[in-house]
Amino acid sequence: MSRDGLPARSGPVVLLLSPDLDVLGHTPDTAEYLRVLVPPGDGQAPVPAGAYNVAAQLLANEAGVDGHRPAARVHLADGRWVTLRAARIVRDIAVTIEESAPAERVGLFGRAFGLSTRERELLEHLAHGSDTRDLARRMFLSEHTVQDHLKSIFGKTSVRNRRTLLARALGG
């Protein structure tokens, strides 16, 4: 077990659904993982709505109703993000659930708070460890302009410093 109660994994957990979205099976760690994501109720298997949503999106793709990818990111109560994806395996549907990559979390965070394209770019560089001087050089800006962008990001996200910003953006 990891420190957050989730089983230690090297890859995603998989939930297998029928074409009618009935649960057919799962990988060994899936049940424990789902219990952390969705507390079980009334003796039922804890399956998050997001798993059904991405499976339904796959069906919509196949029917030509909607072209969006069958994927979703879910924010957990402890601040972490997971990514759910659906794909067809013969006639059944596999839904994978795994922690979102840092780049996915930063991008989602930036869009959720309405950051401009330039502010999101700055946040991505900041997440990779760049300081003000480095940010200015990479983005072809003055250090003062970098500071102005940071102030704008702080205002939009209601944080006061880089450490808090990064903790929130990365789900820490």
N, C-alpha and C. Protein backbone atom coordinates (compact mmCIF):
# COMPACT_ATOMS: atom_id res chain seq x y z
N MET A 1 0.84 -1.19 0.00
CA MET A 1 0.00 0.00 0.00
C MET A 1 0.88 1.25 0.00
N SER A 2 0.43 2.25 -0.72
CA SER A 2 1.12 3.53 -0.70
C SER A 2 0.61 4.32 0.49
N ARG A 3 1.20 5.49 0.74
CA ARG A 3 0.84 6.29 1.90
C ARG A 3 -0.60 6.79 1.85
N ASP A 4 -1.21 6.86 0.66
CA ASP A 4 -2.58 7.37 0.55
C ASP A 4 -3.63 6.28 0.61
N GLY A 5 -3.22 5.03 0.88
CA GLY A 5 -4.17 3.94 0.99
C GLY A 5 -4.44 3.21 -0.30
N LEU A 6 -3.92 3.70 -1.42
CA LEU A 6 -4.10 3.01 -2.69
C LEU A 6 -3.05 1.93 -2.84
N PRO A 7 -3.41 0.81 -3.48
CA PRO A 7 -2.41 -0.23 -3.71
C PRO A 7 -1.28 0.30 -4.58
N ALA A 8 -0.04 -0.11 -4.30
CA ALA A 8 1.09 0.29 -5.14
C ALA A 8 0.94 -0.40 -6.48
N ARG A 9 1.05 0.36 -7.57
CA ARG A 9 0.87 -0.19 -8.91
C ARG A 9 1.95 0.33 -9.82
N SER A 10 2.23 -0.45 -10.86
CA SER A 10 3.16 0.03 -11.88
C SER A 10 2.40 0.52 -13.09
N GLY A 11 1.10 0.31 -13.14
CA GLY A 11 0.30 0.75 -14.27
C GLY A 11 -1.13 0.99 -13.85
N PRO A 12 -2.01 1.16 -14.84
CA PRO A 12 -3.40 1.45 -14.49
C PRO A 12 -4.13 0.21 -13.98
N VAL A 13 -5.24 0.45 -13.29
CA VAL A 13 -6.16 -0.62 -12.95
C VAL A 13 -7.19 -0.66 -14.07
N VAL A 14 -7.79 -1.83 -14.29
CA VAL A 14 -8.72 -1.98 -15.41
C VAL A 14 -10.04 -2.56 -14.91
N LEU A 15 -11.11 -1.96 -15.39
CA LEU A 15 -12.46 -2.41 -15.12
C LEU A 15 -13.04 -2.86 -16.46
N LEU A 16 -13.57 -4.09 -16.53
CA LEU A 16 -14.11 -4.61 -17.79
C LEU A 16 -15.63 -4.57 -17.73
N LEU A 17 -16.23 -3.89 -18.73
CA LEU A 17 -17.68 -3.73 -18.80
C LEU A 17 -18.22 -4.41 -20.04
N SER A 18 -19.46 -4.89 -19.95
CA SER A 18 -20.14 -5.46 -21.11
C SER A 18 -20.60 -4.32 -22.02
N PRO A 19 -21.05 -4.62 -23.23
CA PRO A 19 -21.59 -3.58 -24.09
C PRO A 19 -22.80 -2.86 -23.46
N ASP A 20 -23.46 -3.52 -22.50
CA ASP A 20 -24.58 -2.90 -21.79
C ASP A 20 -24.12 -2.19 -20.51
N LEU A 21 -22.80 -2.09 -20.32
CA LEU A 21 -22.16 -1.41 -19.19
C LEU A 21 -22.33 -2.14 -17.86
N ASP A 22 -22.51 -3.45 -17.92
CA ASP A 22 -22.49 -4.26 -16.69
C ASP A 22 -21.04 -4.62 -16.38
N VAL A 23 -20.68 -4.66 -15.10
CA VAL A 23 -19.32 -5.02 -14.70
C VAL A 23 -19.10 -6.50 -14.93
N LEU A 24 -18.09 -6.84 -15.74
CA LEU A 24 -17.74 -8.22 -16.04
C LEU A 24 -16.55 -8.71 -15.22
N GLY A 25 -15.63 -7.80 -14.90
CA GLY A 25 -14.45 -8.19 -14.15
C GLY A 25 -13.50 -7.02 -14.02
N HIS A 26 -12.36 -7.29 -13.39
CA HIS A 26 -11.36 -6.24 -13.17
C HIS A 26 -10.03 -6.86 -12.80
N THR A 27 -9.00 -6.05 -12.88
CA THR A 27 -7.66 -6.49 -12.46
C THR A 27 -7.65 -6.60 -10.93
N PRO A 28 -6.69 -7.35 -10.35
CA PRO A 28 -6.69 -7.60 -8.90
C PRO A 28 -6.77 -6.34 -8.02
N ASP A 29 -6.08 -5.27 -8.36
CA ASP A 29 -6.07 -4.08 -7.50
C ASP A 29 -7.26 -3.16 -7.72
N THR A 30 -8.08 -3.44 -8.72
CA THR A 30 -9.16 -2.51 -9.07
C THR A 30 -10.16 -2.32 -7.94
N ALA A 31 -10.63 -3.40 -7.33
CA ALA A 31 -11.65 -3.28 -6.29
C ALA A 31 -11.16 -2.41 -5.14
N GLU A 32 -9.92 -2.64 -4.69
CA GLU A 32 -9.37 -1.83 -3.60
C GLU A 32 -9.22 -0.37 -4.02
N TYR A 33 -8.78 -0.16 -5.22
CA TYR A 33 -8.60 1.19 -5.74
C TYR A 33 -9.94 1.92 -5.80
N LEU A 34 -10.98 1.24 -6.30
CA LEU A 34 -12.30 1.86 -6.40
C LEU A 34 -12.89 2.17 -5.03
N ARG A 35 -12.57 1.36 -4.02
CA ARG A 35 -13.07 1.64 -2.67
C ARG A 35 -12.52 2.97 -2.15
N VAL A 36 -11.30 3.30 -2.54
CA VAL A 36 -10.71 4.57 -2.12
C VAL A 36 -11.37 5.72 -2.88
N LEU A 37 -11.68 5.50 -4.15
CA LEU A 37 -12.28 6.55 -4.97
C LEU A 37 -13.75 6.77 -4.65
N VAL A 38 -14.49 5.69 -4.45
CA VAL A 38 -15.92 5.77 -4.22
C VAL A 38 -16.27 4.81 -3.08
N PRO A 39 -16.62 5.33 -1.91
CA PRO A 39 -16.98 4.42 -0.81
C PRO A 39 -18.16 3.54 -1.22
N PRO A 40 -18.06 2.21 -0.95
CA PRO A 40 -19.14 1.31 -1.35
C PRO A 40 -20.41 1.56 -0.54
N GLY A 41 -21.54 1.28 -1.15
CA GLY A 41 -22.81 1.44 -0.45
C GLY A 41 -23.71 0.26 -0.71
N ASP A 42 -24.43 -0.17 0.29
CA ASP A 42 -25.42 -1.24 0.18
C ASP A 42 -24.89 -2.51 -0.48
N GLY A 43 -23.66 -2.88 -0.19
CA GLY A 43 -23.09 -4.11 -0.71
C GLY A 43 -22.79 -4.12 -2.20
N GLN A 44 -22.89 -2.97 -2.84
CA GLN A 44 -22.63 -2.90 -4.27
C GLN A 44 -21.16 -2.62 -4.53
N ALA A 45 -20.72 -3.00 -5.72
CA ALA A 45 -19.35 -2.70 -6.12
C ALA A 45 -19.22 -1.19 -6.32
N PRO A 46 -18.17 -0.60 -5.79
CA PRO A 46 -18.01 0.85 -5.92
C PRO A 46 -17.45 1.22 -7.30
N VAL A 47 -18.30 1.59 -8.21
CA VAL A 47 -17.86 1.97 -9.55
C VAL A 47 -18.16 3.45 -9.73
N PRO A 48 -17.13 4.26 -9.96
CA PRO A 48 -17.37 5.70 -10.12
C PRO A 48 -18.16 6.00 -11.38
N ALA A 49 -18.99 7.02 -11.31
CA ALA A 49 -19.79 7.43 -12.47
C ALA A 49 -18.90 7.72 -13.66
N GLY A 50 -17.70 8.24 -13.41
CA GLY A 50 -16.77 8.55 -14.49
C GLY A 50 -16.44 7.34 -15.35
N ALA A 51 -16.40 6.14 -14.74
CA ALA A 51 -16.11 4.92 -15.50
C ALA A 51 -17.24 4.66 -16.49
N TYR A 52 -18.47 4.83 -16.03
CA TYR A 52 -19.61 4.65 -16.94
C TYR A 52 -19.64 5.76 -18.00
N ASN A 53 -19.27 6.97 -17.59
CA ASN A 53 -19.29 8.09 -18.54
C ASN A 53 -18.32 7.89 -19.69
N VAL A 54 -17.09 7.44 -19.40
CA VAL A 54 -16.12 7.25 -20.50
C VAL A 54 -16.52 6.06 -21.36
N ALA A 55 -17.13 5.03 -20.77
CA ALA A 55 -17.61 3.89 -21.56
C ALA A 55 -18.75 4.35 -22.48
N ALA A 56 -19.65 5.16 -21.95
CA ALA A 56 -20.75 5.69 -22.77
C ALA A 56 -20.21 6.60 -23.87
N GLN A 57 -19.15 7.33 -23.58
CA GLN A 57 -18.54 8.19 -24.61
C GLN A 57 -17.96 7.34 -25.73
N LEU A 58 -17.36 6.21 -25.38
CA LEU A 58 -16.85 5.29 -26.41
C LEU A 58 -17.99 4.80 -27.30
N LEU A 59 -19.11 4.44 -26.69
CA LEU A 59 -20.27 4.00 -27.46
C LEU A 59 -20.79 5.13 -28.36
N ALA A 60 -20.78 6.36 -27.85
CA ALA A 60 -21.21 7.51 -28.66
C ALA A 60 -20.27 7.72 -29.84
N ASN A 61 -18.96 7.53 -29.61
CA ASN A 61 -17.99 7.62 -30.72
C ASN A 61 -18.30 6.60 -31.80
N GLU A 62 -18.50 5.38 -31.36
CA GLU A 62 -18.75 4.29 -32.30
C GLU A 62 -20.06 4.48 -33.08
N ALA A 63 -21.03 5.12 -32.46
CA ALA A 63 -22.32 5.37 -33.11
C ALA A 63 -22.28 6.61 -33.99
N GLY A 64 -21.14 7.34 -33.97
CA GLY A 64 -21.02 8.55 -34.77
C GLY A 64 -21.78 9.73 -34.20
N VAL A 65 -22.17 9.64 -32.93
CA VAL A 65 -22.93 10.70 -32.29
C VAL A 65 -22.03 11.82 -31.78
N ASP A 66 -20.85 11.46 -31.30
CA ASP A 66 -19.95 12.44 -30.69
C ASP A 66 -18.51 12.01 -30.94
N GLY A 67 -17.67 12.96 -31.32
CA GLY A 67 -16.29 12.65 -31.65
C GLY A 67 -15.30 12.87 -30.53
N HIS A 68 -15.75 13.26 -29.33
CA HIS A 68 -14.82 13.48 -28.23
C HIS A 68 -14.19 12.17 -27.79
N ARG A 69 -12.92 12.27 -27.35
CA ARG A 69 -12.22 11.07 -26.88
C ARG A 69 -12.91 10.49 -25.65
N PRO A 70 -12.93 9.16 -25.52
CA PRO A 70 -13.52 8.54 -24.34
C PRO A 70 -12.54 8.58 -23.16
N ALA A 71 -12.38 9.76 -22.60
CA ALA A 71 -11.45 9.95 -21.49
C ALA A 71 -11.99 11.05 -20.58
N ALA A 72 -11.62 10.98 -19.32
CA ALA A 72 -12.03 12.01 -18.36
C ALA A 72 -11.01 12.06 -17.23
N ARG A 73 -10.91 13.22 -16.63
CA ARG A 73 -10.09 13.38 -15.43
C ARG A 73 -11.02 13.64 -14.26
N VAL A 74 -10.73 13.00 -13.13
CA VAL A 74 -11.57 13.12 -11.94
C VAL A 74 -10.70 13.64 -10.81
N HIS A 75 -11.21 14.67 -10.14
CA HIS A 75 -10.50 15.26 -9.00
C HIS A 75 -10.96 14.55 -7.73
N LEU A 76 -10.02 14.05 -6.96
CA LEU A 76 -10.33 13.36 -5.72
C LEU A 76 -10.33 14.33 -4.55
N ALA A 77 -10.98 13.95 -3.49
CA ALA A 77 -11.10 14.82 -2.32
C ALA A 77 -9.75 15.21 -1.74
N ASP A 78 -8.74 14.35 -1.89
CA ASP A 78 -7.44 14.66 -1.30
C ASP A 78 -6.58 15.54 -2.21
N GLY A 79 -7.14 16.04 -3.32
CA GLY A 79 -6.41 16.95 -4.19
C GLY A 79 -5.76 16.29 -5.39
N ARG A 80 -5.73 14.96 -5.44
CA ARG A 80 -5.12 14.26 -6.57
C ARG A 80 -6.11 14.15 -7.71
N TRP A 81 -5.59 13.87 -8.91
CA TRP A 81 -6.39 13.67 -10.11
C TRP A 81 -6.12 12.29 -10.66
N VAL A 82 -7.17 11.64 -11.17
CA VAL A 82 -7.01 10.38 -11.90
C VAL A 82 -7.59 10.55 -13.29
N THR A 83 -7.06 9.78 -14.23
CA THR A 83 -7.53 9.80 -15.60
C THR A 83 -8.20 8.48 -15.91
N LEU A 84 -9.39 8.55 -16.47
CA LEU A 84 -10.13 7.37 -16.89
C LEU A 84 -10.18 7.37 -18.41
N ARG A 85 -9.96 6.19 -19.02
CA ARG A 85 -10.02 6.05 -20.48
C ARG A 85 -10.76 4.77 -20.80
N ALA A 86 -11.49 4.78 -21.91
CA ALA A 86 -12.22 3.58 -22.34
C ALA A 86 -11.74 3.15 -23.71
N ALA A 87 -11.69 1.83 -23.91
CA ALA A 87 -11.32 1.25 -25.20
C ALA A 87 -12.04 -0.08 -25.36
N ARG A 88 -12.24 -0.44 -26.58
CA ARG A 88 -12.94 -1.69 -26.89
C ARG A 88 -11.94 -2.85 -26.86
N ILE A 89 -12.35 -3.96 -26.24
CA ILE A 89 -11.60 -5.23 -26.29
C ILE A 89 -12.59 -6.24 -26.85
N VAL A 90 -12.43 -6.57 -28.09
CA VAL A 90 -13.37 -7.41 -28.85
C VAL A 90 -14.75 -6.76 -28.75
N ARG A 91 -15.67 -7.31 -27.94
CA ARG A 91 -16.98 -6.68 -27.85
C ARG A 91 -17.19 -6.00 -26.50
N ASP A 92 -16.30 -6.23 -25.56
CA ASP A 92 -16.41 -5.61 -24.23
C ASP A 92 -15.65 -4.29 -24.18
N ILE A 93 -15.82 -3.57 -23.07
CA ILE A 93 -15.21 -2.25 -22.91
C ILE A 93 -14.29 -2.27 -21.70
N ALA A 94 -13.05 -1.88 -21.91
CA ALA A 94 -12.08 -1.77 -20.81
C ALA A 94 -11.98 -0.31 -20.42
N VAL A 95 -12.12 -0.05 -19.13
CA VAL A 95 -11.94 1.30 -18.60
C VAL A 95 -10.70 1.26 -17.72
N THR A 96 -9.71 2.08 -18.06
CA THR A 96 -8.50 2.14 -17.25
C THR A 96 -8.60 3.35 -16.32
N ILE A 97 -8.03 3.20 -15.14
CA ILE A 97 -8.01 4.29 -14.16
C ILE A 97 -6.58 4.39 -13.64
N GLU A 98 -5.99 5.57 -13.78
CA GLU A 98 -4.63 5.77 -13.29
C GLU A 98 -4.43 7.22 -12.89
N GLU A 99 -3.44 7.44 -12.04
CA GLU A 99 -3.15 8.82 -11.65
C GLU A 99 -2.77 9.63 -12.87
N SER A 100 -3.30 10.83 -12.94
CA SER A 100 -3.00 11.72 -14.06
C SER A 100 -1.54 12.16 -13.99
N ALA A 101 -0.92 12.27 -15.16
CA ALA A 101 0.47 12.72 -15.25
C ALA A 101 0.55 14.20 -14.86
N PRO A 102 1.70 14.64 -14.34
CA PRO A 102 1.83 16.05 -13.95
C PRO A 102 1.46 17.02 -15.07
N ALA A 103 1.86 16.75 -16.30
CA ALA A 103 1.54 17.66 -17.41
C ALA A 103 0.03 17.76 -17.62
N GLU A 104 -0.69 16.64 -17.46
CA GLU A 104 -2.14 16.67 -17.58
C GLU A 104 -2.77 17.51 -16.47
N ARG A 105 -2.25 17.35 -15.26
CA ARG A 105 -2.81 18.09 -14.13
C ARG A 105 -2.57 19.59 -14.27
N VAL A 106 -1.38 19.98 -14.69
CA VAL A 106 -1.06 21.40 -14.84
C VAL A 106 -1.94 22.02 -15.94
N GLY A 107 -2.08 21.32 -17.05
CA GLY A 107 -2.92 21.83 -18.13
C GLY A 107 -4.37 21.99 -17.71
N LEU A 108 -4.90 20.98 -17.02
CA LEU A 108 -6.27 21.04 -16.55
C LEU A 108 -6.46 22.16 -15.54
N PHE A 109 -5.51 22.29 -14.63
CA PHE A 109 -5.56 23.35 -13.62
C PHE A 109 -5.61 24.72 -14.30
N GLY A 110 -4.75 24.92 -15.29
CA GLY A 110 -4.72 26.20 -16.00
C GLY A 110 -6.02 26.52 -16.70
N ARG A 111 -6.60 25.52 -17.35
CA ARG A 111 -7.89 25.74 -18.02
C ARG A 111 -9.01 25.98 -17.01
N ALA A 112 -8.99 25.23 -15.90
CA ALA A 112 -10.04 25.37 -14.89
C ALA A 112 -10.08 26.77 -14.29
N PHE A 113 -8.92 27.41 -14.19
CA PHE A 113 -8.86 28.74 -13.60
C PHE A 113 -8.84 29.85 -14.65
N GLY A 114 -9.04 29.49 -15.90
CA GLY A 114 -9.12 30.50 -16.95
C GLY A 114 -7.82 31.22 -17.23
N LEU A 115 -6.69 30.53 -17.05
CA LEU A 115 -5.41 31.15 -17.34
C LEU A 115 -5.26 31.33 -18.84
N SER A 116 -4.62 32.41 -19.23
CA SER A 116 -4.37 32.65 -20.66
C SER A 116 -3.36 31.62 -21.16
N THR A 117 -3.22 31.55 -22.47
CA THR A 117 -2.25 30.61 -23.06
C THR A 117 -0.86 30.89 -22.53
N ARG A 118 -0.49 32.15 -22.46
CA ARG A 118 0.85 32.53 -21.98
C ARG A 118 1.01 32.19 -20.50
N GLU A 119 -0.03 32.40 -19.70
CA GLU A 119 0.04 32.06 -18.27
C GLU A 119 0.16 30.54 -18.08
N ARG A 120 -0.55 29.78 -18.90
CA ARG A 120 -0.44 28.31 -18.80
C ARG A 120 0.96 27.85 -19.20
N GLU A 121 1.53 28.49 -20.21
CA GLU A 121 2.90 28.16 -20.62
C GLU A 121 3.87 28.45 -19.48
N LEU A 122 3.70 29.59 -18.84
CA LEU A 122 4.56 29.96 -17.72
C LEU A 122 4.41 28.95 -16.58
N LEU A 123 3.18 28.55 -16.29
CA LEU A 123 2.93 27.58 -15.22
C LEU A 123 3.60 26.24 -15.53
N GLU A 124 3.54 25.81 -16.78
CA GLU A 124 4.19 24.56 -17.16
C GLU A 124 5.70 24.63 -16.94
N HIS A 125 6.32 25.76 -17.33
CA HIS A 125 7.76 25.93 -17.09
C HIS A 125 8.06 25.96 -15.59
N LEU A 126 7.20 26.63 -14.84
CA LEU A 126 7.37 26.71 -13.40
C LEU A 126 7.28 25.32 -12.77
N ALA A 127 6.39 24.48 -13.27
CA ALA A 127 6.24 23.12 -12.75
C ALA A 127 7.47 22.27 -13.03
N HIS A 128 8.23 22.64 -14.04
CA HIS A 128 9.46 21.91 -14.34
C HIS A 128 10.68 22.48 -13.61
N GLY A 129 10.44 23.39 -12.68
CA GLY A 129 11.52 23.89 -11.83
C GLY A 129 12.19 25.17 -12.27
N SER A 130 11.63 25.87 -13.22
CA SER A 130 12.25 27.11 -13.69
C SER A 130 12.07 28.23 -12.67
N ASP A 131 13.11 29.04 -12.50
CA ASP A 131 13.01 30.22 -11.66
C ASP A 131 12.68 31.42 -12.57
N THR A 132 12.56 32.61 -11.97
CA THR A 132 12.16 33.80 -12.73
C THR A 132 13.09 34.07 -13.90
N ARG A 133 14.37 34.00 -13.67
CA ARG A 133 15.34 34.27 -14.73
C ARG A 133 15.20 33.26 -15.87
N ASP A 134 15.07 32.00 -15.49
CA ASP A 134 14.89 30.92 -16.47
C ASP A 134 13.60 31.11 -17.26
N LEU A 135 12.51 31.45 -16.56
CA LEU A 135 11.23 31.68 -17.22
C LEU A 135 11.34 32.80 -18.24
N ALA A 136 11.99 33.88 -17.84
CA ALA A 136 12.16 35.03 -18.74
C ALA A 136 12.93 34.62 -20.00
N ARG A 137 13.99 33.88 -19.80
CA ARG A 137 14.81 33.45 -20.93
C ARG A 137 14.03 32.51 -21.85
N ARG A 138 13.36 31.51 -21.28
CA ARG A 138 12.63 30.52 -22.07
C ARG A 138 11.47 31.14 -22.85
N MET A 139 10.83 32.14 -22.24
CA MET A 139 9.63 32.71 -22.84
C MET A 139 9.90 34.03 -23.58
N PHE A 140 11.17 34.43 -23.64
CA PHE A 140 11.57 35.67 -24.32
C PHE A 140 10.82 36.88 -23.75
N LEU A 141 10.83 36.96 -22.40
CA LEU A 141 10.19 38.04 -21.68
C LEU A 141 11.19 38.68 -20.73
N SER A 142 10.86 39.85 -20.23
CA SER A 142 11.68 40.43 -19.17
C SER A 142 11.27 39.78 -17.85
N GLU A 143 12.13 39.85 -16.87
CA GLU A 143 11.81 39.29 -15.55
C GLU A 143 10.61 40.02 -14.93
N HIS A 144 10.48 41.32 -15.24
CA HIS A 144 9.34 42.08 -14.73
C HIS A 144 8.02 41.56 -15.32
N THR A 145 8.04 41.23 -16.60
CA THR A 145 6.83 40.69 -17.25
C THR A 145 6.49 39.32 -16.68
N VAL A 146 7.50 38.51 -16.39
CA VAL A 146 7.26 37.21 -15.74
C VAL A 146 6.57 37.44 -14.41
N GLN A 147 7.07 38.39 -13.62
CA GLN A 147 6.46 38.69 -12.32
C GLN A 147 5.02 39.17 -12.49
N ASP A 148 4.75 39.96 -13.52
CA ASP A 148 3.38 40.41 -13.79
C ASP A 148 2.47 39.23 -14.11
N HIS A 149 2.97 38.31 -14.93
CA HIS A 149 2.18 37.11 -15.24
C HIS A 149 1.93 36.29 -13.98
N LEU A 150 2.94 36.15 -13.13
CA LEU A 150 2.78 35.40 -11.89
C LEU A 150 1.73 36.05 -10.99
N LYS A 151 1.76 37.37 -10.88
CA LYS A 151 0.76 38.07 -10.06
C LYS A 151 -0.65 37.81 -10.60
N SER A 152 -0.78 37.81 -11.91
CA SER A 152 -2.08 37.55 -12.52
C SER A 152 -2.54 36.12 -12.21
N ILE A 153 -1.62 35.16 -12.32
CA ILE A 153 -1.94 33.76 -12.01
C ILE A 153 -2.33 33.62 -10.55
N PHE A 154 -1.58 34.26 -9.65
CA PHE A 154 -1.89 34.20 -8.22
C PHE A 154 -3.30 34.74 -7.97
N GLY A 155 -3.64 35.85 -8.62
CA GLY A 155 -4.96 36.43 -8.45
C GLY A 155 -6.08 35.51 -8.94
N LYS A 156 -5.88 34.91 -10.10
CA LYS A 156 -6.90 34.03 -10.68
C LYS A 156 -7.07 32.74 -9.87
N THR A 157 -6.01 32.28 -9.24
CA THR A 157 -6.06 31.00 -8.52
C THR A 157 -6.18 31.17 -7.01
N SER A 158 -6.20 32.42 -6.55
CA SER A 158 -6.33 32.73 -5.11
C SER A 158 -5.21 32.13 -4.27
N VAL A 159 -3.99 32.18 -4.79
CA VAL A 159 -2.83 31.75 -4.01
C VAL A 159 -1.89 32.94 -3.84
N ARG A 160 -0.95 32.81 -2.92
CA ARG A 160 -0.05 33.92 -2.63
C ARG A 160 1.41 33.67 -2.97
N ASN A 161 1.73 32.40 -3.31
CA ASN A 161 3.14 32.12 -3.61
C ASN A 161 3.25 30.93 -4.56
N ARG A 162 4.45 30.76 -5.09
CA ARG A 162 4.71 29.71 -6.08
C ARG A 162 4.53 28.31 -5.49
N ARG A 163 4.97 28.13 -4.27
CA ARG A 163 4.88 26.81 -3.65
C ARG A 163 3.42 26.34 -3.56
N THR A 164 2.55 27.20 -3.10
CA THR A 164 1.13 26.86 -3.00
C THR A 164 0.53 26.65 -4.38
N LEU A 165 0.90 27.50 -5.33
CA LEU A 165 0.42 27.37 -6.70
C LEU A 165 0.77 26.01 -7.26
N LEU A 166 2.03 25.62 -7.12
CA LEU A 166 2.48 24.33 -7.66
C LEU A 166 1.83 23.16 -6.93
N ALA A 167 1.65 23.29 -5.63
CA ALA A 167 1.01 22.22 -4.87
C ALA A 167 -0.42 22.01 -5.38
N ARG A 168 -1.12 23.09 -5.62
CA ARG A 168 -2.49 22.98 -6.13
C ARG A 168 -2.52 22.49 -7.57
N ALA A 169 -1.65 23.03 -8.40
CA ALA A 169 -1.64 22.65 -9.82
C ALA A 169 -1.23 21.20 -10.03
N LEU A 170 -0.33 20.71 -9.21
CA LEU A 170 0.15 19.33 -9.36
C LEU A 170 -0.64 18.35 -8.51
N GLY A 171 -1.60 18.85 -7.74
CA GLY A 171 -2.43 17.96 -6.95
C GLY A 171 -1.75 17.49 -5.68
N GLY A 172 -0.83 18.27 -5.17
CA GLY A 172 -0.10 17.84 -3.98
C GLY A 172 -0.65 18.36 -2.70
